[in-house]
Protein backbone atom coordinates (compact mmCIF):
# COMPACT_ATOMS: atom_id res chain seq x y z
CA MET A 1 2.88 -12.09 -10.12
CA VAL A 2 3.67 -9.04 -8.00
CA LYS A 3 0.80 -7.21 -6.31
CA ILE A 4 0.80 -3.90 -4.51
CA ARG A 5 -1.37 -4.51 -1.45
CA LEU A 6 -1.96 -3.73 2.22
CA ALA A 7 -0.15 -5.60 5.01
CA ARG A 8 -1.94 -5.21 8.35
CA HIS A 9 -0.01 -4.28 11.48
CA GLY A 10 -0.93 -2.70 14.80
CA ALA A 11 -2.96 -3.81 17.79
CA LYS A 12 -6.42 -5.29 17.94
CA LYS A 13 -8.99 -2.73 16.75
CA ARG A 14 -6.16 -0.25 16.01
CA PRO A 15 -5.05 -1.22 12.50
CA TYR A 16 -2.07 0.28 10.74
CA TYR A 17 -1.19 -0.77 7.21
CA LYS A 18 2.01 -0.91 5.22
CA ILE A 19 1.56 -0.67 1.47
CA VAL A 20 3.89 -3.26 0.00
CA ALA A 21 4.90 -4.85 -3.27
CA ALA A 22 4.69 -8.59 -2.65
CA ASP A 23 4.43 -11.87 -4.50
CA SER A 24 0.75 -12.78 -4.74
CA ARG A 25 1.48 -16.26 -3.33
CA CYS A 26 2.87 -14.89 -0.04
CA PRO A 27 0.58 -14.41 2.98
CA ARG A 28 -0.97 -10.99 3.64
CA ASP A 29 1.36 -10.09 6.50
CA GLY A 30 4.27 -12.22 5.32
CA LYS A 31 7.36 -11.62 3.25
CA PHE A 32 7.29 -8.67 0.86
CA ILE A 33 9.68 -7.27 -1.73
CA GLU A 34 9.49 -3.54 -0.96
CA GLN A 35 7.44 -1.18 1.18
CA VAL A 36 6.05 1.60 -1.01
CA GLY A 37 3.82 3.45 1.45
CA ARG A 38 1.73 3.41 4.60
CA TYR A 39 -1.86 3.99 5.61
CA ASN A 40 -3.28 4.73 9.06
CA PRO A 41 -7.10 4.90 9.08
CA CYS A 42 -7.24 5.56 12.85
CA SER A 43 -5.43 8.90 12.87
CA ASP A 44 -7.26 12.16 12.36
CA PRO A 45 -6.93 13.05 9.51
CA LYS A 46 -6.25 9.66 7.95
CA LEU A 47 -2.61 9.20 7.02
CA ILE A 48 -1.88 8.09 3.45
CA GLU A 49 1.71 8.16 2.21
CA PHE A 50 3.16 6.73 -0.99
CA ASN A 51 6.65 6.60 -2.44
CA VAL A 52 5.40 7.59 -5.89
CA GLU A 53 8.66 6.74 -7.66
CA ALA A 54 8.75 3.21 -6.25
CA THR A 55 5.03 2.66 -6.90
CA ASP A 56 5.31 3.82 -10.51
CA LYS A 57 8.40 1.63 -10.97
CA TRP A 58 6.49 -1.47 -9.85
CA ILE A 59 3.49 -0.62 -12.02
CA ALA A 60 5.78 -0.19 -15.02
CA GLN A 61 7.21 -3.65 -14.33
CA GLY A 62 3.73 -5.18 -14.42
CA ALA A 63 2.65 -5.18 -10.78
CA GLN A 64 -1.08 -4.95 -10.16
CA MET A 65 -2.68 -2.90 -7.40
CA THR A 66 -5.53 -4.25 -5.32
CA ASP A 67 -8.79 -2.28 -5.50
CA VAL A 68 -8.27 -0.66 -2.08
CA VAL A 69 -4.69 0.39 -2.83
CA ALA A 70 -5.70 1.78 -6.22
CA SER A 71 -8.37 3.90 -4.53
CA LEU A 72 -5.91 5.14 -1.89
CA TYR A 73 -3.36 5.94 -4.61
CA GLU A 74 -5.89 7.99 -6.61
CA ASN A 75 -6.88 9.93 -3.47
CA TYR A 76 -3.21 10.54 -2.63
CA LYS A 77 -2.43 11.86 -6.11
CA LYS A 78 -5.57 14.03 -6.12
CA ASP A 79 -4.69 15.56 -2.73
CA ALA A 80 -1.06 16.13 -3.78
CA LYS A 81 -2.11 18.42 -6.64
């Protein structure tokens, strides 16, 4: 099963996340299929970017978002309007 989830990068206490479509059996920071966005909670204001076309493509193919990514995606779409 494909999940759209966060992959943590960055230094200690300075997280930076890639939003990726990955096989649910792969490790959190391991191999992924496609990067569909990024999230930086340390910047001011917080950076949230999504490739909406790629995200919608994966959802249409049956990928499931984690709770955190779904919340970020809703906020991104709300702010884009």
